[in-house]
Amino acid sequence: MYTYIWNKYLPVIRILLKKSSGGDQLLSLNRDDFERAGTGRKAGYKFVIEYTEGKVSNVISGSDLASHLAAAMLEDPATRVVLKTGHFQVILNTKFQLTIKNITPLPAESLAVAVSETE
């Protein structure tokens, strides 16, 4: 139902995933695409998908919108490679803004350098 819409946005989502190591990324989506496609109003148009090492690590089965995005991302080989590199959150809010966060913990040595630079 929503897969063809997510596939349309997938190239941009992949780019934002790569850029997310430098900070949170935001993508504004076209509300009409989703409202025409299905019954999102009943389930709500917001969700959080967490990916850990290339796999969905939270429960998203209650949202077709989230499930279809997760499937589209995991079925795309280039996106799957990026997802395997860390821990990501993909968040859709009620304003149809998709936020992509890279929440991969810093390695201990990088963390020590970052702390010493702020002192």
N, C-alpha and C. Protein backbone atom coordinates (compact mmCIF):
# COMPACT_ATOMS: atom_id res chain seq x y z
N MET A 1 0.82 -1.20 0.00
CA MET A 1 0.00 0.00 0.00
C MET A 1 0.87 1.26 0.00
N TYR A 2 1.86 1.36 0.91
CA TYR A 2 2.71 2.54 0.98
C TYR A 2 4.08 2.32 0.34
N THR A 3 4.37 1.10 -0.06
CA THR A 3 5.71 0.76 -0.53
C THR A 3 6.13 1.62 -1.71
N TYR A 4 5.23 1.82 -2.68
CA TYR A 4 5.61 2.61 -3.86
C TYR A 4 5.93 4.05 -3.48
N ILE A 5 5.28 4.59 -2.45
CA ILE A 5 5.58 5.95 -2.00
C ILE A 5 6.97 5.98 -1.37
N TRP A 6 7.24 5.03 -0.48
CA TRP A 6 8.55 5.00 0.18
C TRP A 6 9.66 4.79 -0.84
N ASN A 7 9.41 3.97 -1.85
CA ASN A 7 10.44 3.75 -2.87
C ASN A 7 10.77 5.05 -3.62
N LYS A 8 9.79 5.93 -3.74
CA LYS A 8 10.01 7.23 -4.37
C LYS A 8 10.98 8.09 -3.54
N TYR A 9 10.86 8.00 -2.22
CA TYR A 9 11.69 8.80 -1.31
C TYR A 9 13.02 8.12 -0.96
N LEU A 10 13.16 6.84 -1.28
CA LEU A 10 14.31 6.06 -0.83
C LEU A 10 15.67 6.63 -1.23
N PRO A 11 15.88 7.13 -2.45
CA PRO A 11 17.19 7.70 -2.77
C PRO A 11 17.59 8.86 -1.85
N VAL A 12 16.64 9.70 -1.50
CA VAL A 12 16.92 10.83 -0.61
C VAL A 12 17.14 10.33 0.81
N ILE A 13 16.35 9.36 1.25
CA ILE A 13 16.51 8.79 2.59
C ILE A 13 17.91 8.18 2.72
N ARG A 14 18.38 7.50 1.70
CA ARG A 14 19.71 6.89 1.72
C ARG A 14 20.79 7.96 1.88
N ILE A 15 20.68 9.04 1.16
CA ILE A 15 21.65 10.14 1.27
C ILE A 15 21.62 10.72 2.69
N LEU A 16 20.41 10.92 3.23
CA LEU A 16 20.29 11.49 4.57
C LEU A 16 20.84 10.53 5.64
N LEU A 17 20.68 9.24 5.43
CA LEU A 17 21.27 8.26 6.35
C LEU A 17 22.78 8.44 6.40
N LYS A 18 23.39 8.59 5.24
CA LYS A 18 24.84 8.77 5.19
C LYS A 18 25.26 10.07 5.86
N LYS A 19 24.49 11.13 5.66
CA LYS A 19 24.82 12.43 6.24
C LYS A 19 24.53 12.51 7.74
N SER A 20 23.75 11.56 8.25
CA SER A 20 23.30 11.64 9.65
C SER A 20 24.44 11.50 10.67
N SER A 21 25.61 11.03 10.24
CA SER A 21 26.73 10.95 11.18
C SER A 21 27.18 12.35 11.60
N GLY A 22 26.86 13.36 10.81
CA GLY A 22 27.20 14.73 11.14
C GLY A 22 26.10 15.47 11.89
N GLY A 23 24.95 14.85 12.08
CA GLY A 23 23.84 15.48 12.78
C GLY A 23 22.51 14.98 12.25
N ASP A 24 21.45 15.30 12.95
CA ASP A 24 20.11 14.86 12.55
C ASP A 24 19.74 15.45 11.18
N GLN A 25 19.04 14.64 10.40
CA GLN A 25 18.63 15.05 9.06
C GLN A 25 17.10 15.08 9.00
N LEU A 26 16.56 16.05 8.27
CA LEU A 26 15.11 16.23 8.19
C LEU A 26 14.66 16.23 6.74
N LEU A 27 13.60 15.47 6.46
CA LEU A 27 13.02 15.41 5.12
C LEU A 27 11.53 15.68 5.25
N SER A 28 11.07 16.72 4.57
CA SER A 28 9.63 17.01 4.56
C SER A 28 8.98 16.21 3.44
N LEU A 29 7.95 15.46 3.80
CA LEU A 29 7.25 14.60 2.86
C LEU A 29 5.96 15.26 2.37
N ASN A 30 5.43 14.78 1.26
CA ASN A 30 4.19 15.29 0.71
C ASN A 30 3.00 14.57 1.37
N ARG A 31 2.28 15.29 2.19
CA ARG A 31 1.14 14.73 2.93
C ARG A 31 0.13 14.06 2.00
N ASP A 32 -0.14 14.66 0.86
CA ASP A 32 -1.14 14.13 -0.07
C ASP A 32 -0.80 12.71 -0.55
N ASP A 33 0.49 12.43 -0.74
CA ASP A 33 0.89 11.08 -1.17
C ASP A 33 0.34 10.03 -0.21
N PHE A 34 0.46 10.30 1.09
CA PHE A 34 0.09 9.32 2.10
C PHE A 34 -1.41 9.28 2.35
N GLU A 35 -2.06 10.44 2.31
CA GLU A 35 -3.49 10.47 2.55
C GLU A 35 -4.27 9.79 1.42
N ARG A 36 -3.77 9.89 0.20
CA ARG A 36 -4.42 9.24 -0.93
C ARG A 36 -4.19 7.73 -0.92
N ALA A 37 -3.07 7.31 -0.31
CA ALA A 37 -2.68 5.90 -0.38
C ALA A 37 -3.43 4.99 0.58
N GLY A 38 -3.93 5.51 1.69
CA GLY A 38 -4.52 4.54 2.60
C GLY A 38 -5.16 5.10 3.84
N THR A 39 -5.14 4.26 4.85
CA THR A 39 -5.92 4.49 6.07
C THR A 39 -5.05 4.97 7.22
N GLY A 40 -4.05 5.77 6.93
CA GLY A 40 -3.12 6.22 7.96
C GLY A 40 -3.77 6.99 9.09
N ARG A 41 -4.85 7.68 8.83
CA ARG A 41 -5.52 8.46 9.86
C ARG A 41 -5.90 7.60 11.06
N LYS A 42 -6.36 6.38 10.78
CA LYS A 42 -6.78 5.50 11.88
C LYS A 42 -5.60 5.10 12.75
N ALA A 43 -4.48 4.77 12.12
CA ALA A 43 -3.31 4.32 12.88
C ALA A 43 -2.45 5.50 13.31
N GLY A 44 -2.66 6.66 12.70
CA GLY A 44 -1.82 7.81 12.99
C GLY A 44 -0.67 7.87 12.02
N TYR A 45 -0.23 9.06 11.76
CA TYR A 45 0.86 9.26 10.81
C TYR A 45 2.16 9.52 11.53
N LYS A 46 2.42 8.86 12.63
CA LYS A 46 3.71 9.04 13.29
C LYS A 46 4.23 7.70 13.77
N PHE A 47 5.55 7.60 13.77
CA PHE A 47 6.19 6.36 14.20
C PHE A 47 7.67 6.61 14.45
N VAL A 48 8.29 5.63 15.08
CA VAL A 48 9.75 5.58 15.26
C VAL A 48 10.20 4.18 14.86
N ILE A 49 11.17 4.12 13.97
CA ILE A 49 11.80 2.84 13.61
C ILE A 49 13.25 2.92 14.09
N GLU A 50 13.67 1.91 14.82
CA GLU A 50 15.07 1.84 15.24
C GLU A 50 15.75 0.70 14.50
N TYR A 51 16.90 1.02 13.95
CA TYR A 51 17.72 0.02 13.27
C TYR A 51 19.02 -0.15 14.07
N THR A 52 19.34 -1.39 14.40
CA THR A 52 20.60 -1.69 15.04
C THR A 52 21.32 -2.72 14.19
N GLU A 53 22.49 -2.34 13.69
CA GLU A 53 23.31 -3.22 12.85
C GLU A 53 22.51 -3.85 11.71
N GLY A 54 21.70 -3.03 11.06
CA GLY A 54 20.99 -3.47 9.87
C GLY A 54 19.67 -4.17 10.10
N LYS A 55 19.20 -4.22 11.34
CA LYS A 55 17.92 -4.88 11.63
C LYS A 55 17.03 -3.95 12.43
N VAL A 56 15.71 -4.08 12.21
CA VAL A 56 14.76 -3.31 13.00
C VAL A 56 14.80 -3.84 14.43
N SER A 57 15.00 -2.93 15.39
CA SER A 57 15.17 -3.38 16.78
C SER A 57 14.04 -2.97 17.70
N ASN A 58 12.96 -2.43 17.15
CA ASN A 58 11.78 -2.12 17.97
C ASN A 58 10.53 -2.66 17.28
N VAL A 59 9.41 -2.65 17.98
CA VAL A 59 8.16 -3.18 17.45
C VAL A 59 7.46 -2.11 16.62
N ILE A 60 7.23 -2.41 15.34
CA ILE A 60 6.55 -1.47 14.44
C ILE A 60 5.35 -2.11 13.77
N SER A 61 4.98 -3.28 14.20
CA SER A 61 3.92 -4.04 13.52
C SER A 61 2.56 -3.35 13.57
N GLY A 62 2.37 -2.41 14.48
CA GLY A 62 1.09 -1.71 14.57
C GLY A 62 0.89 -0.63 13.53
N SER A 63 1.93 -0.33 12.76
CA SER A 63 1.84 0.75 11.77
C SER A 63 2.26 0.23 10.40
N ASP A 64 1.29 0.18 9.48
CA ASP A 64 1.61 -0.21 8.10
C ASP A 64 2.61 0.76 7.48
N LEU A 65 2.45 2.04 7.79
CA LEU A 65 3.34 3.06 7.25
C LEU A 65 4.78 2.77 7.64
N ALA A 66 5.01 2.47 8.92
CA ALA A 66 6.36 2.16 9.40
C ALA A 66 6.85 0.83 8.84
N SER A 67 6.00 -0.17 8.84
CA SER A 67 6.40 -1.49 8.34
C SER A 67 6.82 -1.44 6.88
N HIS A 68 6.08 -0.69 6.07
CA HIS A 68 6.40 -0.59 4.66
C HIS A 68 7.70 0.18 4.44
N LEU A 69 7.95 1.22 5.24
CA LEU A 69 9.21 1.94 5.12
C LEU A 69 10.38 1.03 5.52
N ALA A 70 10.23 0.34 6.64
CA ALA A 70 11.29 -0.56 7.10
C ALA A 70 11.60 -1.61 6.04
N ALA A 71 10.57 -2.19 5.44
CA ALA A 71 10.78 -3.21 4.41
C ALA A 71 11.48 -2.61 3.19
N ALA A 72 11.05 -1.43 2.76
CA ALA A 72 11.65 -0.79 1.59
C ALA A 72 13.13 -0.50 1.84
N MET A 73 13.45 -0.04 3.04
CA MET A 73 14.84 0.28 3.36
C MET A 73 15.70 -0.97 3.42
N LEU A 74 15.17 -2.04 3.99
CA LEU A 74 15.94 -3.28 4.12
C LEU A 74 16.05 -4.04 2.81
N GLU A 75 15.12 -3.82 1.89
CA GLU A 75 15.16 -4.50 0.59
C GLU A 75 16.11 -3.80 -0.39
N ASP A 76 16.47 -2.57 -0.11
CA ASP A 76 17.38 -1.82 -0.97
C ASP A 76 18.82 -2.12 -0.55
N PRO A 77 19.61 -2.76 -1.43
CA PRO A 77 20.96 -3.17 -1.03
C PRO A 77 21.85 -2.03 -0.53
N ALA A 78 21.83 -0.87 -1.19
CA ALA A 78 22.69 0.24 -0.78
C ALA A 78 22.28 0.80 0.58
N THR A 79 21.00 0.88 0.83
CA THR A 79 20.50 1.37 2.12
C THR A 79 20.84 0.37 3.22
N ARG A 80 20.69 -0.89 2.92
CA ARG A 80 20.99 -1.95 3.90
C ARG A 80 22.45 -1.88 4.34
N VAL A 81 23.36 -1.59 3.41
CA VAL A 81 24.79 -1.47 3.74
C VAL A 81 25.00 -0.34 4.75
N VAL A 82 24.36 0.80 4.52
CA VAL A 82 24.50 1.93 5.45
C VAL A 82 23.91 1.57 6.81
N LEU A 83 22.76 0.93 6.83
CA LEU A 83 22.11 0.57 8.10
C LEU A 83 22.96 -0.39 8.93
N LYS A 84 23.76 -1.20 8.28
CA LYS A 84 24.61 -2.15 9.01
C LYS A 84 25.77 -1.47 9.73
N THR A 85 26.00 -0.20 9.45
CA THR A 85 27.15 0.49 10.04
C THR A 85 26.89 1.06 11.42
N GLY A 86 25.67 0.97 11.92
CA GLY A 86 25.43 1.56 13.24
C GLY A 86 24.01 1.43 13.73
N HIS A 87 23.62 2.41 14.53
CA HIS A 87 22.32 2.45 15.20
C HIS A 87 21.62 3.73 14.74
N PHE A 88 20.48 3.58 14.10
CA PHE A 88 19.75 4.71 13.52
C PHE A 88 18.32 4.74 14.02
N GLN A 89 17.76 5.94 14.09
CA GLN A 89 16.33 6.13 14.34
C GLN A 89 15.75 6.87 13.15
N VAL A 90 14.61 6.39 12.66
CA VAL A 90 13.87 7.06 11.60
C VAL A 90 12.52 7.41 12.21
N ILE A 91 12.23 8.70 12.28
CA ILE A 91 11.06 9.19 13.02
C ILE A 91 10.17 10.01 12.09
N LEU A 92 8.90 9.65 12.03
CA LEU A 92 7.93 10.45 11.29
C LEU A 92 7.02 11.14 12.29
N ASN A 93 6.87 12.47 12.15
CA ASN A 93 5.96 13.18 13.04
C ASN A 93 4.67 13.53 12.30
N THR A 94 3.72 14.11 13.00
CA THR A 94 2.39 14.39 12.43
C THR A 94 2.42 15.49 11.37
N LYS A 95 3.56 16.19 11.22
CA LYS A 95 3.70 17.22 10.18
C LYS A 95 4.34 16.65 8.92
N PHE A 96 4.42 15.32 8.85
CA PHE A 96 5.02 14.63 7.71
C PHE A 96 6.48 15.02 7.51
N GLN A 97 7.18 15.13 8.63
CA GLN A 97 8.62 15.37 8.60
C GLN A 97 9.31 14.09 9.06
N LEU A 98 10.20 13.60 8.24
CA LEU A 98 10.96 12.39 8.56
C LEU A 98 12.33 12.83 9.08
N THR A 99 12.61 12.47 10.32
CA THR A 99 13.90 12.79 10.92
C THR A 99 14.74 11.52 10.97
N ILE A 100 15.98 11.64 10.56
CA ILE A 100 16.90 10.51 10.58
C ILE A 100 18.03 10.86 11.54
N LYS A 101 18.19 10.00 12.55
CA LYS A 101 19.22 10.22 13.57
C LYS A 101 20.18 9.05 13.58
N ASN A 102 21.46 9.36 13.61
CA ASN A 102 22.48 8.34 13.80
C ASN A 102 22.84 8.38 15.28
N ILE A 103 22.43 7.35 16.01
CA ILE A 103 22.67 7.34 17.46
C ILE A 103 23.70 6.27 17.83
N THR A 104 24.59 6.00 16.88
CA THR A 104 25.67 5.05 17.12
C THR A 104 26.61 5.64 18.17
N PRO A 105 26.88 4.89 19.24
CA PRO A 105 27.82 5.40 20.25
C PRO A 105 29.20 5.61 19.64
N LEU A 106 29.87 6.66 20.10
CA LEU A 106 31.23 6.91 19.65
C LEU A 106 32.17 5.86 20.25
N PRO A 107 33.19 5.46 19.52
CA PRO A 107 34.19 4.57 20.12
C PRO A 107 34.84 5.27 21.31
N ALA A 108 35.30 4.53 22.28
CA ALA A 108 35.85 5.10 23.52
C ALA A 108 36.96 6.10 23.24
N GLU A 109 37.86 5.83 22.30
CA GLU A 109 38.96 6.75 22.03
C GLU A 109 38.47 8.05 21.41
N SER A 110 37.47 7.99 20.53
CA SER A 110 36.89 9.21 19.95
C SER A 110 36.18 10.02 21.01
N LEU A 111 35.51 9.34 21.93
CA LEU A 111 34.82 10.02 23.01
C LEU A 111 35.80 10.75 23.90
N ALA A 112 36.93 10.14 24.21
CA ALA A 112 37.95 10.79 25.04
C ALA A 112 38.50 12.04 24.36
N VAL A 113 38.72 11.99 23.04
CA VAL A 113 39.19 13.15 22.30
C VAL A 113 38.14 14.25 22.30
N ALA A 114 36.88 13.88 22.10
CA ALA A 114 35.80 14.86 22.08
C ALA A 114 35.66 15.55 23.44
N VAL A 115 35.79 14.81 24.51
CA VAL A 115 35.70 15.39 25.86
C VAL A 115 36.87 16.32 26.11
N SER A 116 38.08 15.91 25.73
CA SER A 116 39.26 16.75 25.99
C SER A 116 39.21 18.04 25.17
N GLU A 117 38.59 18.02 24.00
CA GLU A 117 38.47 19.20 23.18
C GLU A 117 37.52 20.22 23.77
N THR A 118 36.55 19.77 24.55
CA THR A 118 35.57 20.69 25.13
C THR A 118 36.03 21.28 26.44
N GLU A 119 37.11 20.77 26.98
CA GLU A 119 37.61 21.28 28.28
C GLU A 119 38.49 22.48 28.11
